C-alpha atoms as a PDB file:
ATOM      1  CA  MET A   1      86.104  76.860 160.294  1.00  0.00           C
ATOM      2  CA  ASP A   2      90.042  76.012 161.187  1.00  0.00           C
ATOM      3  CA  ALA A   3      93.014  73.835 162.087  1.00  0.00           C
ATOM      4  CA  VAL A   4      91.552  73.116 165.769  1.00  0.00           C
ATOM      5  CA  ASP A   5      88.109  73.599 165.115  1.00  0.00           C
ATOM      6  CA  HIS A   6      88.859  69.951 162.954  1.00  0.00           C
ATOM      7  CA  THR A   7      90.910  68.754 166.149  1.00  0.00           C
ATOM      8  CA  ILE A   8      87.995  69.270 168.374  1.00  0.00           C
ATOM      9  CA  LEU A   9      86.019  67.609 165.604  1.00  0.00           C
ATOM     10  CA  SER A  10      88.540  64.732 165.529  1.00  0.00           C
ATOM     11  CA  ALA A  11      88.596  64.547 169.253  1.00  0.00           C
ATOM     12  CA  LEU A  12      84.597  64.389 170.297  1.00  0.00           C
ATOM     13  CA  SER A  13      84.987  62.255 167.087  1.00  0.00           C
ATOM     14  CA  GLN A  14      86.488  59.194 169.089  1.00  0.00           C
ATOM     15  CA  ASP A  15      84.657  60.172 172.403  1.00  0.00           C
ATOM     16  CA  ALA A  16      81.876  63.065 172.801  1.00  0.00           C
ATOM     17  CA  ARG A  17      81.389  62.283 176.146  1.00  0.00           C
ATOM     18  CA  GLN A  18      84.673  63.587 176.860  1.00  0.00           C
ATOM     19  CA  GLY A  19      85.385  66.916 178.782  1.00  0.00           C
ATOM     20  CA  THR A  20      87.373  70.306 177.631  1.00  0.00           C
ATOM     21  CA  PHE A  21      89.973  69.274 179.432  1.00  0.00           C
ATOM     22  CA  ALA A  22      90.989  65.985 178.194  1.00  0.00           C
ATOM     23  CA  ILE A  23      90.004  68.055 174.578  1.00  0.00           C
ATOM     24  CA  TRP A  24      92.101  70.431 175.692  1.00  0.00           C
ATOM     25  CA  ASP A  25      94.730  68.341 176.271  1.00  0.00           C
ATOM     26  CA  TYR A  26      94.440  66.516 172.392  1.00  0.00           C
ATOM     27  CA  LEU A  27      94.606  69.860 171.291  1.00  0.00           C
ATOM     28  CA  ARG A  28      98.648  70.518 172.779  1.00  0.00           C
ATOM     29  CA  GLY A  29      99.165  67.069 171.251  1.00  0.00           C
ATOM     30  CA  PHE A  30      99.294  69.049 168.087  1.00  0.00           C
ATOM     31  CA  GLY A  31     100.389  72.439 168.541  1.00  0.00           C
ATOM     32  CA  HIS A  32      96.906  74.041 169.525  1.00  0.00           C
ATOM     33  CA  ASN A  33      97.578  75.851 173.091  1.00  0.00           C
ATOM     34  CA  ILE A  34      93.766  77.695 173.858  1.00  0.00           C
ATOM     35  CA  SER A  35      92.364  77.664 176.337  1.00  0.00           C
ATOM     36  CA  GLN A  36      89.057  75.295 177.837  1.00  0.00           C
ATOM     37  CA  ASP A  37      86.970  78.263 177.875  1.00  0.00           C
ATOM     38  CA  GLU A  38      87.692  78.625 174.316  1.00  0.00           C
ATOM     39  CA  ILE A  39      87.155  75.113 173.451  1.00  0.00           C
ATOM     40  CA  GLU A  40      83.704  75.570 175.245  1.00  0.00           C
ATOM     41  CA  ALA A  41      82.851  78.465 173.065  1.00  0.00           C
ATOM     42  CA  ARG A  42      83.712  77.063 169.833  1.00  0.00           C
ATOM     43  CA  ILE A  43      82.355  73.642 170.343  1.00  0.00           C
ATOM     44  CA  LYS A  44      79.129  75.955 170.730  1.00  0.00           C
ATOM     45  CA  GLN A  45      80.085  77.144 167.980  1.00  0.00           C
ATOM     46  CA  MET A  46      79.814  74.639 165.851  1.00  0.00           C
ATOM     47  CA  GLU A  47      76.518  73.058 167.378  1.00  0.00           C
ATOM     48  CA  VAL A  48      75.015  76.518 166.628  1.00  0.00           C
ATOM     49  CA  GLY A  49      76.010  76.385 163.312  1.00  0.00           C
ATOM     50  CA  GLY A  50      75.046  72.717 162.509  1.00  0.00           C
ATOM     51  CA  VAL A  51      78.546  71.668 161.831  1.00  0.00           C
ATOM     52  CA  ILE A  52      77.527  68.987 165.054  1.00  0.00           C
ATOM     53  CA  ARG A  53      74.033  67.985 165.181  1.00  0.00           C
ATOM     54  CA  GLY A  54      73.691  66.274 168.077  1.00  0.00           C
ATOM     55  CA  TYR A  55      76.071  63.760 169.825  1.00  0.00           C
ATOM     56  CA  THR A  56      75.400  59.978 169.716  1.00  0.00           C
ATOM     57  CA  ILE A  57      77.063  56.591 170.663  1.00  0.00           C
ATOM     58  CA  SER A  58      79.356  53.683 169.710  1.00  0.00           C
ATOM     59  CA  VAL A  59      78.198  50.983 170.241  1.00  0.00           C
ATOM     60  CA  ASP A  60      80.541  47.426 170.141  1.00  0.00           C
ATOM     61  CA  THR A  61      78.702  45.128 167.112  1.00  0.00           C
ATOM     62  CA  LYS A  62      80.778  42.270 167.988  1.00  0.00           C
ATOM     63  CA  LYS A  63      78.554  42.742 170.966  1.00  0.00           C
ATOM     64  CA  ILE A  64      75.194  42.246 168.854  1.00  0.00           C
ATOM     65  CA  PRO A  65      75.284  38.678 167.618  1.00  0.00           C
ATOM     66  CA  GLY A  66      73.515  37.663 164.657  1.00  0.00           C
ATOM     67  CA  ARG A  67      73.702  41.098 162.732  1.00  0.00           C
ATOM     68  CA  ILE A  68      73.812  41.066 158.687  1.00  0.00           C
ATOM     69  CA  ILE A  69      75.172  43.456 156.596  1.00  0.00           C
ATOM     70  CA  HIS A  70      75.080  44.132 153.158  1.00  0.00           C
ATOM     71  CA  ILE A  71      76.912  45.961 150.547  1.00  0.00           C
ATOM     72  CA  ASP A  72      73.928  46.984 147.550  1.00  0.00           C
ATOM     73  CA  LEU A  73      75.983  48.310 144.792  1.00  0.00           C
ATOM     74  CA  MET A  74      73.822  49.325 141.298  1.00  0.00           C
ATOM     75  CA  THR A  75      73.793  50.839 137.968  1.00  0.00           C
ATOM     76  CA  PHE A  76      71.083  52.862 136.362  1.00  0.00           C
ATOM     77  CA  ARG A  77      68.831  52.343 133.301  1.00  0.00           C
ATOM     78  CA  ILE A  78      69.127  55.464 131.943  1.00  0.00           C
ATOM     79  CA  SER A  79      65.448  57.226 130.737  1.00  0.00           C
ATOM     80  CA  GLN A  80      63.518  59.739 131.075  1.00  0.00           C
ATOM     81  CA  ALA A  81      61.980  58.662 134.445  1.00  0.00           C
ATOM     82  CA  LEU A  82      65.265  58.475 136.172  1.00  0.00           C
ATOM     83  CA  PRO A  83      65.418  61.264 137.690  1.00  0.00           C
ATOM     84  CA  LYS A  84      62.009  60.904 139.237  1.00  0.00           C
ATOM     85  CA  ARG A  85      62.347  57.791 140.532  1.00  0.00           C
ATOM     86  CA  LEU A  86      66.003  58.231 141.839  1.00  0.00           C
ATOM     87  CA  VAL A  87      64.063  60.873 144.196  1.00  0.00           C
ATOM     88  CA  GLY A  88      61.948  57.854 145.579  1.00  0.00           C
ATOM     89  CA  LEU A  89      64.403  55.866 146.249  1.00  0.00           C
ATOM     90  CA  LYS A  90      66.185  58.509 148.140  1.00  0.00           C
ATOM     91  CA  LYS A  91      63.392  58.715 149.864  1.00  0.00           C
ATOM     92  CA  TYR A  92      63.609  55.426 150.623  1.00  0.00           C
ATOM     93  CA  LEU A  93      67.141  55.081 151.689  1.00  0.00           C
ATOM     94  CA  ASN A  94      66.900  58.044 153.470  1.00  0.00           C
ATOM     95  CA  GLU A  95      63.944  56.630 156.050  1.00  0.00           C
ATOM     96  CA  ALA A  96      64.838  53.432 155.825  1.00  0.00           C
ATOM     97  CA  PRO A  97      66.077  52.396 160.248  1.00  0.00           C
ATOM     98  CA  PHE A  98      68.882  49.418 158.319  1.00  0.00           C
ATOM     99  CA  VAL A  99      71.004  52.050 155.691  1.00  0.00           C
ATOM    100  CA  ILE A 100      74.465  53.056 157.421  1.00  0.00           C
ATOM    101  CA  TYR A 101      75.436  54.819 154.400  1.00  0.00           C
ATOM    102  CA  SER A 102      73.971  55.332 151.389  1.00  0.00           C
ATOM    103  CA  GLY A 103      75.436  57.499 148.036  1.00  0.00           C
ATOM    104  CA  LYS A 104      76.004  58.463 144.695  1.00  0.00           C
ATOM    105  CA  THR A 105      79.170  57.413 143.258  1.00  0.00           C
ATOM    106  CA  LEU A 106      81.399  57.896 139.967  1.00  0.00           C
ATOM    107  CA  GLY A 107      83.041  54.289 138.081  1.00  0.00           C
ATOM    108  CA  GLY A 108      82.059  51.583 137.605  1.00  0.00           C
ATOM    109  CA  TYR A 109      78.725  51.807 139.862  1.00  0.00           C
ATOM    110  CA  ASP A 110      75.997  54.419 140.289  1.00  0.00           C
ATOM    111  CA  TRP A 111      75.131  53.940 143.696  1.00  0.00           C
ATOM    112  CA  ILE A 112      76.698  51.535 147.297  1.00  0.00           C
ATOM    113  CA  THR A 113      74.249  50.985 149.989  1.00  0.00           C
ATOM    114  CA  VAL A 114      75.678  49.727 153.199  1.00  0.00           C
ATOM    115  CA  LYS A 115      72.626  48.475 154.878  1.00  0.00           C
ATOM    116  CA  SER A 116      72.415  46.470 158.276  1.00  0.00           C
ATOM    117  CA  PHE A 117      69.879  43.315 159.605  1.00  0.00           C
ATOM    118  CA  LEU A 118      68.492  41.644 162.310  1.00  0.00           C
ATOM    119  CA  SER A 119      68.538  38.292 160.544  1.00  0.00           C
ATOM    120  CA  LYS A 120      69.128  36.558 157.613  1.00  0.00           C
ATOM    121  CA  ASP A 121      65.635  36.391 156.933  1.00  0.00           C
ATOM    122  CA  ILE A 122      64.969  40.113 157.004  1.00  0.00           C
ATOM    123  CA  ALA A 123      67.335  40.937 154.876  1.00  0.00           C
ATOM    124  CA  TYR A 124      66.031  38.698 151.847  1.00  0.00           C
ATOM    125  CA  GLU A 125      62.857  39.975 153.018  1.00  0.00           C
ATOM    126  CA  GLU A 126      64.268  43.434 152.313  1.00  0.00           C
ATOM    127  CA  ASN A 127      65.835  42.675 148.867  1.00  0.00           C
ATOM    128  CA  ASP A 128      62.693  41.683 147.859  1.00  0.00           C
ATOM    129  CA  VAL A 129      61.353  44.489 148.424  1.00  0.00           C
ATOM    130  CA  PHE A 130      63.738  46.576 147.378  1.00  0.00           C
ATOM    131  CA  ARG A 131      64.003  44.909 143.851  1.00  0.00           C
ATOM    132  CA  ASN A 132      59.878  45.008 143.338  1.00  0.00           C
ATOM    133  CA  LEU A 133      60.303  48.962 144.279  1.00  0.00           C
ATOM    134  CA  PHE A 134      63.556  49.983 141.799  1.00  0.00           C
ATOM    135  CA  GLY A 135      63.990  47.017 139.885  1.00  0.00           C
ATOM    136  CA  ASP A 136      62.555  49.022 136.541  1.00  0.00           C
ATOM    137  CA  ILE A 137      65.320  51.400 137.433  1.00  0.00           C
ATOM    138  CA  LEU A 138      67.935  49.163 138.081  1.00  0.00           C
ATOM    139  CA  GLN A 139      70.412  48.142 134.981  1.00  0.00           C
ATOM    140  CA  THR A 140      72.378  46.015 137.813  1.00  0.00           C
ATOM    141  CA  TYR A 141      71.763  45.051 141.450  1.00  0.00           C
ATOM    142  CA  GLU A 142      74.562  43.188 143.034  1.00  0.00           C
ATOM    143  CA  VAL A 143      74.383  42.639 147.188  1.00  0.00           C
ATOM    144  CA  TYR A 144      77.151  41.346 149.008  1.00  0.00           C
ATOM    145  CA  ASP A 145      77.350  40.266 152.709  1.00  0.00           C
ATOM    146  CA  PHE A 146      80.026  41.986 154.753  1.00  0.00           C
ATOM    147  CA  VAL A 147      81.889  41.090 157.487  1.00  0.00           C
ATOM    148  CA  PRO A 148      83.221  44.241 158.960  1.00  0.00           C
ATOM    149  CA  GLN A 149      87.309  43.884 160.580  1.00  0.00           C
ATOM    150  CA  THR A 150      87.084  46.547 162.149  1.00  0.00           C
ATOM    151  CA  ASP A 151      83.915  48.536 163.933  1.00  0.00           C
ATOM    152  CA  ALA A 152      82.294  51.694 162.329  1.00  0.00           C
ATOM    153  CA  SER A 153      83.969  54.850 162.736  1.00  0.00           C
ATOM    154  CA  MET A 154      83.062  58.336 162.167  1.00  0.00           C
ATOM    155  CA  TYR A 155      86.281  59.226 163.677  1.00  0.00           C
ATOM    156  CA  ALA A 156      87.705  58.296 159.591  1.00  0.00           C
ATOM    157  CA  LEU A 157      85.342  61.529 158.892  1.00  0.00           C
ATOM    158  CA  VAL A 158      86.785  63.941 160.746  1.00  0.00           C
ATOM    159  CA  TYR A 159      90.067  63.757 161.452  1.00  0.00           C
ATOM    160  CA  THR A 160      93.184  65.884 160.102  1.00  0.00           C
ATOM    161  CA  GLN A 161      95.704  66.187 157.992  1.00  0.00           C
ATOM    162  CA  ALA A 162      98.252  66.239 161.293  1.00  0.00           C
ATOM    163  CA  GLU A 163      96.814  62.628 162.717  1.00  0.00           C
ATOM    164  CA  TYR A 164      97.164  61.213 159.474  1.00  0.00           C
ATOM    165  CA  ARG A 165     100.880  62.283 159.598  1.00  0.00           C
ATOM    166  CA  LYS A 166     101.372  61.139 163.071  1.00  0.00           C
ATOM    167  CA  PHE A 167      99.907  58.138 162.111  1.00  0.00           C
ATOM    168  CA  MET A 168     101.840  57.326 158.860  1.00  0.00           C
ATOM    169  CA  GLN A 169     104.428  58.388 160.221  1.00  0.00           C
ATOM    170  CA  GLU A 170     104.384  55.319 163.164  1.00  0.00           C
ATOM    171  CA  TRP A 171     103.479  52.882 160.563  1.00  0.00           C
ATOM    172  CA  THR A 172     105.595  53.654 157.879  1.00  0.00           C
ATOM    173  CA  PRO A 173     108.384  52.142 157.189  1.00  0.00           C
ATOM    174  CA  PRO A 174     111.863  54.426 157.342  1.00  0.00           C
ATOM    175  CA  PHE A 175     112.880  53.738 153.790  1.00  0.00           C
ATOM    176  CA  LEU A 176     109.706  54.821 151.704  1.00  0.00           C
ATOM    177  CA  GLY A 177     109.807  58.095 153.278  1.00  0.00           C
ATOM    178  CA  ILE A 178     106.806  59.400 154.005  1.00  0.00           C
END
């Protein structure tokens, strides 16, 4: 993958339904001048290569009332059983329909998970089940209600350095010189 591929991914992450002309125009804004046919070929290549696994929708979460988002922060007890128990934890979190994001961390916590629930009752019920299933490996388990102030964005995972620089130039005061 080169800079053009990364910029195509970035464009698609903002609107997966846009046509090649819109992507072509977006690429030109970052100094890339390739044909629409080449854009289509690159997208196809990323699909075949598994970089693009599918296309999804973007939902305005503010228009879906009642969703409860929890951030779970965990540290684990060290034991010989921990590696095997982590296999079960990963399976649970990968299969759970309410898990937005989950992963291992370095630092003060071992694991962070972001979950979305239909109601507080369901959130509390899942919390009880989770503690019963994995309490033996949890040293600490902190759960926080999270009220997003921005929409979730997959764009944040694929933006390019050129897009970062352009954004920073628009927002950084001149005296900082970024």
